[in-house]
N, C-alpha and C. Protein backbone atom coordinates (compact mmCIF):
# COMPACT_ATOMS: atom_id res chain seq x y z
N MET A 1 97.28 102.94 73.25
CA MET A 1 98.85 102.94 73.91
C MET A 1 99.16 101.45 73.47
N ASN A 2 100.50 100.99 73.11
CA ASN A 2 100.54 99.17 72.97
C ASN A 2 100.35 98.90 74.33
N GLU A 3 100.84 97.61 74.35
CA GLU A 3 101.05 96.71 75.82
C GLU A 3 102.17 96.94 75.96
N ALA A 4 103.40 96.94 75.39
CA ALA A 4 104.75 96.67 75.97
C ALA A 4 104.92 98.55 76.97
N LEU A 5 104.21 99.26 76.10
CA LEU A 5 104.84 100.65 77.24
C LEU A 5 103.63 100.90 78.02
N ALA A 6 102.56 100.34 78.19
CA ALA A 6 101.69 99.91 79.07
C ALA A 6 101.86 99.17 80.54
N THR A 7 102.74 98.07 80.08
CA THR A 7 103.46 97.00 81.02
C THR A 7 104.58 97.75 81.63
N THR A 8 105.73 98.16 80.64
CA THR A 8 106.54 98.95 81.21
C THR A 8 106.08 100.31 82.02
N LEU A 9 105.12 101.08 82.14
CA LEU A 9 104.99 102.18 82.48
C LEU A 9 104.29 101.99 84.13
N VAL A 10 103.46 100.89 84.16
CA VAL A 10 102.83 100.27 85.54
C VAL A 10 103.76 99.74 86.16
N GLY A 11 104.74 98.87 86.02
CA GLY A 11 105.58 98.57 86.54
C GLY A 11 106.81 99.83 87.07
N ILE A 12 107.16 100.27 85.89
CA ILE A 12 107.75 101.84 86.60
C ILE A 12 106.76 102.24 88.06
N PHE A 13 105.72 102.55 87.80
CA PHE A 13 105.20 103.42 89.03
C PHE A 13 104.79 102.14 89.83
N GLY A 14 104.22 101.39 89.61
CA GLY A 14 103.93 100.40 90.96
C GLY A 14 104.75 99.78 91.56
N ILE A 15 106.19 99.66 91.04
CA ILE A 15 107.00 99.08 91.97
C ILE A 15 107.85 100.72 92.88
N THR A 16 108.12 101.88 91.62
CA THR A 16 108.28 102.78 92.72
C THR A 16 107.44 103.04 93.81
N GLY A 17 106.23 103.30 93.49
CA GLY A 17 105.80 103.29 94.74
C GLY A 17 105.54 102.33 95.81
N SER A 18 105.51 101.04 95.71
CA SER A 18 105.51 99.88 96.59
C SER A 18 107.24 100.13 97.28
N LEU A 19 108.38 100.26 96.79
CA LEU A 19 109.34 100.57 97.38
C LEU A 19 109.33 101.54 97.94
N LEU A 20 108.68 102.52 97.68
CA LEU A 20 108.81 103.81 98.63
C LEU A 20 107.93 103.75 100.14
N LEU A 21 107.18 102.91 99.63
CA LEU A 21 106.03 101.98 100.98
C LEU A 21 107.14 101.31 101.77
N LEU A 22 107.49 100.46 101.30
CA LEU A 22 108.70 99.36 102.33
C LEU A 22 109.86 99.93 102.56
N GLY A 23 110.22 100.58 101.85
CA GLY A 23 111.47 101.69 102.60
C GLY A 23 110.81 102.55 103.85
N SER A 24 110.44 103.12 103.70
CA SER A 24 109.31 103.75 104.75
C SER A 24 108.69 102.89 105.89
N ALA A 25 108.67 101.82 105.50
CA ALA A 25 107.57 100.53 106.70
C ALA A 25 109.11 100.44 107.33
N LEU A 26 110.42 99.89 106.47
CA LEU A 26 111.74 99.20 106.91
C LEU A 26 112.45 100.87 108.02
N ALA A 27 112.17 101.69 107.63
CA ALA A 27 112.86 103.08 108.13
C ALA A 27 112.51 103.15 109.55
N MET A 28 110.85 102.75 109.61
CA MET A 28 109.78 103.18 110.93
C MET A 28 111.20 102.26 112.19
N PHE A 29 111.68 101.27 111.89
CA PHE A 29 112.25 100.19 112.90
C PHE A 29 113.52 101.00 113.12
N ARG A 30 114.09 102.15 112.55
CA ARG A 30 115.34 102.55 113.02
C ARG A 30 115.29 103.80 113.67
N VAL A 31 114.11 104.23 113.64
CA VAL A 31 114.05 105.69 113.99
C VAL A 31 113.71 105.39 115.65
N ARG A 32 114.29 106.67 116.37
CA ARG A 32 113.53 105.76 118.41
C ARG A 32 112.51 106.88 118.61
N ASP A 33 111.70 107.85 118.03
CA ASP A 33 110.75 108.74 118.36
C ASP A 33 109.66 109.02 117.38
N ALA A 34 108.50 109.57 118.18
CA ALA A 34 107.61 109.27 117.46
C ALA A 34 107.50 110.68 115.75
N LEU A 35 107.91 111.74 116.36
CA LEU A 35 108.63 112.43 115.49
C LEU A 35 109.11 112.39 114.33
N SER A 36 110.65 111.44 114.57
CA SER A 36 111.18 111.01 113.51
C SER A 36 110.02 109.45 112.47
N ARG A 37 109.26 108.79 113.54
CA ARG A 37 108.59 108.11 112.82
C ARG A 37 107.49 108.63 111.67
N ILE A 38 107.13 109.86 112.03
CA ILE A 38 106.28 110.31 111.64
C ILE A 38 106.88 111.02 109.92
N ASN A 39 108.00 111.72 110.02
CA ASN A 39 108.86 112.20 109.00
C ASN A 39 109.51 111.57 108.09
N VAL A 40 109.74 109.86 108.67
CA VAL A 40 109.78 108.99 107.51
C VAL A 40 108.76 108.25 106.90
N PHE A 41 107.41 108.34 107.36
CA PHE A 41 106.44 107.58 106.96
C PHE A 41 105.87 109.05 105.78
N SER A 42 105.90 109.94 105.83
CA SER A 42 105.56 111.12 104.83
C SER A 42 105.38 110.88 103.50
N PRO A 43 107.00 110.46 103.00
CA PRO A 43 107.09 110.21 101.90
C PRO A 43 106.26 109.32 101.70
N ALA A 44 106.28 107.91 102.02
CA ALA A 44 105.52 107.00 101.64
C ALA A 44 104.27 107.56 100.99
N THR A 45 103.29 108.23 102.33
CA THR A 45 102.16 108.28 101.64
C THR A 45 102.01 109.74 100.70
N GLY A 46 102.88 110.53 100.80
CA GLY A 46 102.89 111.50 99.76
C GLY A 46 103.62 111.28 98.82
N LEU A 47 104.07 110.38 98.21
CA LEU A 47 104.77 110.12 97.05
C LEU A 47 104.38 108.54 96.51
N GLY A 48 104.51 107.45 97.37
CA GLY A 48 104.56 105.92 97.39
C GLY A 48 103.29 106.04 96.54
N MET A 49 101.95 106.47 97.31
CA MET A 49 100.90 105.90 97.22
C MET A 49 100.17 106.51 96.52
N PRO A 50 100.46 107.98 95.86
CA PRO A 50 99.90 108.03 94.34
C PRO A 50 100.75 107.78 92.92
N PHE A 51 101.65 106.92 93.12
CA PHE A 51 102.65 106.34 92.48
C PHE A 51 101.95 105.25 91.81
N ILE A 52 101.35 104.64 93.01
CA ILE A 52 100.87 103.03 93.30
C ILE A 52 99.26 104.10 92.20
N VAL A 53 98.33 104.87 92.74
CA VAL A 53 97.57 105.58 91.93
C VAL A 53 97.32 105.44 90.61
N ILE A 54 98.71 106.49 90.09
CA ILE A 54 98.90 106.41 88.84
C ILE A 54 99.11 105.28 87.52
N ALA A 55 99.64 104.30 88.61
CA ALA A 55 99.94 103.04 88.04
C ALA A 55 99.08 102.29 87.64
N ALA A 56 97.70 102.41 88.70
CA ALA A 56 96.61 101.62 88.36
C ALA A 56 95.20 102.66 87.27
N PHE A 57 95.81 103.87 87.17
CA PHE A 57 95.51 104.66 86.28
C PHE A 57 95.90 104.14 84.76
N ILE A 58 97.16 103.97 84.82
CA ILE A 58 97.81 103.51 83.61
C ILE A 58 96.82 102.43 82.84
N TYR A 59 97.22 101.30 84.51
CA TYR A 59 96.64 100.22 83.40
C TYR A 59 95.03 100.42 83.18
N ASP A 60 94.14 100.96 84.21
CA ASP A 60 93.12 101.20 83.00
C ASP A 60 92.86 101.48 82.00
N LEU A 61 94.16 102.99 81.84
CA LEU A 61 93.51 103.46 80.12
C LEU A 61 93.88 102.46 79.59
N TYR A 62 94.90 101.50 79.78
CA TYR A 62 95.69 100.22 78.90
C TYR A 62 94.17 99.79 78.36
N ALA A 63 93.54 99.11 79.61
CA ALA A 63 92.60 98.18 79.61
C ALA A 63 91.33 98.56 79.33
N SER A 64 90.63 99.44 79.43
CA SER A 64 89.38 100.35 79.33
C SER A 64 89.62 101.18 77.93
N GLY A 65 90.92 101.73 77.47
CA GLY A 65 90.92 103.20 76.81
C GLY A 65 90.37 104.47 78.06
N PHE A 66 90.46 105.83 77.58
CA PHE A 66 90.30 106.89 78.03
C PHE A 66 88.97 107.10 78.19
N SER A 67 89.03 107.23 79.36
CA SER A 67 87.87 107.65 79.80
C SER A 67 87.90 108.59 80.69
N TRP A 68 86.78 110.25 81.12
CA TRP A 68 87.09 111.40 81.46
C TRP A 68 86.91 111.43 82.93
N SER A 69 85.91 110.18 83.44
CA SER A 69 85.45 109.73 84.69
C SER A 69 86.84 108.82 85.66
N SER A 70 87.56 108.39 84.87
CA SER A 70 88.22 107.76 85.41
C SER A 70 89.85 108.65 85.29
N LEU A 71 89.79 109.57 84.48
CA LEU A 71 90.98 110.66 84.98
C LEU A 71 90.66 111.50 85.68
N ILE A 72 89.51 111.59 86.17
CA ILE A 72 89.09 112.57 87.27
C ILE A 72 89.15 112.07 88.80
N MET A 73 89.28 110.70 88.66
CA MET A 73 89.28 109.83 89.49
C MET A 73 90.18 110.16 90.04
N ALA A 74 91.47 109.69 89.17
CA ALA A 74 92.43 109.46 89.45
C ALA A 74 93.28 110.33 89.96
N VAL A 75 92.86 111.66 89.61
CA VAL A 75 93.60 113.08 90.00
C VAL A 75 92.93 113.36 90.93
N ILE A 76 91.95 113.22 91.01
CA ILE A 76 91.22 113.55 93.01
C ILE A 76 91.86 113.04 93.85
N ALA A 77 92.20 111.77 93.76
CA ALA A 77 92.80 110.67 94.48
C ALA A 77 93.97 110.87 94.33
N VAL A 78 94.78 111.19 94.17
CA VAL A 78 96.07 111.46 94.03
C VAL A 78 95.96 113.33 94.78
N LEU A 79 95.17 113.90 94.33
CA LEU A 79 95.08 115.40 95.50
C LEU A 79 94.79 115.00 96.76
N CYS A 80 94.07 113.86 97.18
CA CYS A 80 93.42 113.45 98.50
C CYS A 80 94.34 113.14 98.97
N LEU A 81 95.46 112.20 98.46
CA LEU A 81 96.50 111.79 99.07
C LEU A 81 97.37 112.38 99.32
N ILE A 82 97.82 114.05 98.49
CA ILE A 82 98.55 114.62 99.42
C ILE A 82 97.94 115.31 100.36
N ILE A 83 96.98 115.94 99.79
CA ILE A 83 96.44 116.83 101.29
C ILE A 83 96.01 115.58 102.42
N VAL A 84 95.78 114.20 102.50
CA VAL A 84 95.58 113.92 103.31
C VAL A 84 96.91 113.62 104.27
N SER A 85 98.13 113.11 103.48
CA SER A 85 99.40 113.25 104.10
C SER A 85 100.04 113.99 104.37
N SER A 86 99.73 115.45 104.15
CA SER A 86 100.53 116.43 104.98
C SER A 86 99.36 117.10 105.84
N VAL A 87 97.94 116.52 106.08
CA VAL A 87 97.15 117.02 107.39
C VAL A 87 97.55 116.36 108.31
N ALA A 88 97.85 114.53 108.23
CA ALA A 88 97.58 114.29 109.13
C ALA A 88 99.35 113.88 109.65
N SER A 89 100.15 114.28 108.65
CA SER A 89 101.45 114.04 109.22
C SER A 89 101.60 115.58 110.44
N ASN A 90 101.21 116.41 109.68
CA ASN A 90 101.19 117.79 110.64
C ASN A 90 100.44 117.61 112.31
N THR A 91 98.85 117.02 111.83
CA THR A 91 98.36 116.73 113.26
C THR A 91 99.18 115.66 114.26
N LEU A 92 99.43 114.27 113.70
CA LEU A 92 100.15 113.49 114.64
C LEU A 92 101.36 114.15 115.10
N ALA A 93 101.90 115.03 114.37
CA ALA A 93 103.37 115.46 115.10
C ALA A 93 102.80 116.29 116.27
N ARG A 94 102.12 117.38 115.51
CA ARG A 94 101.20 118.11 116.80
C ARG A 94 100.96 117.35 118.01
N SER A 95 100.22 116.70 117.82
CA SER A 95 99.80 115.79 119.07
C SER A 95 100.88 114.76 119.93
N ALA A 96 101.91 114.28 119.32
CA ALA A 96 103.25 114.00 119.81
C ALA A 96 104.00 114.63 120.52
N VAL A 97 103.87 115.88 120.13
CA VAL A 97 104.52 117.45 120.84
C VAL A 97 103.75 117.63 122.15
N LEU A 98 102.80 117.71 121.57
CA LEU A 98 101.49 118.32 122.61
C LEU A 98 101.52 117.33 123.92
N SER A 99 101.78 115.92 123.66
CA SER A 99 101.44 114.90 124.41
C SER A 99 103.01 114.54 125.78
N GLY A 100 103.82 115.35 125.17
CA GLY A 100 104.99 115.20 125.95
C GLY A 100 105.70 113.68 125.32
N GLN A 101 105.61 113.58 124.11
CA GLN A 101 107.04 112.34 124.07
C GLN A 101 108.27 113.29 123.95
N PRO A 102 109.04 112.19 124.65
CA PRO A 102 109.93 112.59 124.51
C PRO A 102 110.73 112.33 123.04
N VAL A 103 111.64 113.64 122.56
CA VAL A 103 112.51 113.22 121.40
C VAL A 103 113.42 112.97 121.53
N PHE A 104 113.95 111.87 120.64
CA PHE A 104 115.71 111.50 121.05
C PHE A 104 116.42 112.30 120.66
N ARG A 105 117.78 112.16 121.84
CA ARG A 105 118.83 113.29 122.24
C ARG A 105 119.59 113.31 121.16
N LYS A 106 119.73 112.35 120.18
CA LYS A 106 120.39 112.54 118.80
C LYS A 106 119.60 113.47 117.38
N THR A 107 118.40 113.83 117.70
CA THR A 107 117.42 113.78 116.67
C THR A 107 118.44 115.78 116.24
N SER A 108 118.71 115.63 115.04
CA SER A 108 119.61 117.09 114.93
C SER A 108 118.76 117.62 113.55
N PRO A 109 117.92 118.82 113.81
CA PRO A 109 118.63 119.63 114.31
C PRO A 109 117.25 119.40 115.43
N ASN A 110 117.14 119.47 116.79
CA ASN A 110 116.40 119.47 118.21
C ASN A 110 115.93 120.94 118.14
N ARG A 111 115.11 121.50 117.84
CA ARG A 111 114.46 123.16 118.06
C ARG A 111 113.20 122.88 118.89
N LEU A 112 113.00 121.48 119.07
CA LEU A 112 111.90 121.26 119.97
C LEU A 112 112.36 120.93 121.70
N ALA A 113 114.10 121.27 121.38
CA ALA A 113 114.40 121.05 123.62
C ALA A 113 114.02 122.12 123.67
N ALA A 114 113.64 123.21 123.21
CA ALA A 114 113.71 124.79 123.83
C ALA A 114 113.30 125.47 123.16
N PRO A 115 112.22 126.66 123.59
CA PRO A 115 111.79 127.69 122.42
C PRO A 115 112.52 128.48 122.47
N PRO A 116 112.33 128.78 120.61
CA PRO A 116 113.00 129.48 120.19
C PRO A 116 113.88 130.93 120.42
N GLU A 117 114.72 131.39 120.33
CA GLU A 117 115.48 132.70 120.77
C GLU A 117 114.59 133.92 120.78
N GLY A 118 114.03 134.35 122.15
CA GLY A 118 112.90 135.57 122.07
C GLY A 118 111.59 135.66 122.19
N VAL A 119 111.56 134.17 122.38
CA VAL A 119 110.25 133.64 122.85
C VAL A 119 110.16 133.29 124.44
N VAL A 120 109.31 133.69 125.15
CA VAL A 120 109.09 133.44 126.36
C VAL A 120 108.31 132.10 126.27
N ASP A 121 108.77 130.79 127.14
CA ASP A 121 107.74 130.32 127.10
C ASP A 121 106.95 129.99 128.64
N ILE A 122 105.73 130.17 128.10
CA ILE A 122 104.33 130.74 128.85
C ILE A 122 104.20 128.79 129.25
N ASP A 123 104.08 128.92 130.79
CA ASP A 123 103.36 127.60 131.23
C ASP A 123 101.54 127.65 131.13
N PRO A 124 100.82 126.77 130.22
CA PRO A 124 99.51 127.18 130.06
C PRO A 124 98.79 126.91 131.48
N ASP A 125 99.00 126.08 132.27
CA ASP A 125 98.98 125.50 133.25
C ASP A 125 99.14 126.58 134.72
N ALA A 126 100.03 127.55 134.25
CA ALA A 126 99.99 128.37 134.98
C ALA A 126 98.71 129.26 135.67
N LYS A 127 98.47 129.53 136.82
CA LYS A 127 97.24 130.70 137.49
C LYS A 127 97.90 131.71 137.30
N ASP A 128 96.84 132.63 136.52
CA ASP A 128 97.10 134.23 136.79
C ASP A 128 97.10 134.54 137.93
N SER A 129 97.95 135.73 138.47
CA SER A 129 97.47 136.10 140.14
C SER A 129 97.00 137.29 139.78
């Protein structure tokens, strides 16, 4: 791999990943509830961080040459970032809903405002008679 190609690819992936992280961080100031903040941050962790890992792998490929261990480490890192991002977003959203955090009234669609049609909303604290 020549230097110009390596520099270009590292720049594209690194800057794109960094801009995704920066955009998500700035967007977090604009949203008003916990669920929207979790939703805004998910692309940064699911796409931005893997781009940065890919940029690091391309730089390592240019600097040290091809190595199976480096490739396996990069693939595992990207897969782990995607899996952890999905699980963490789901867990954070679930905890926000279960803790009773209010959902901003203009959030659309606000399916958490009422149970879906045909579903009986059962109070878990109610005692059976």
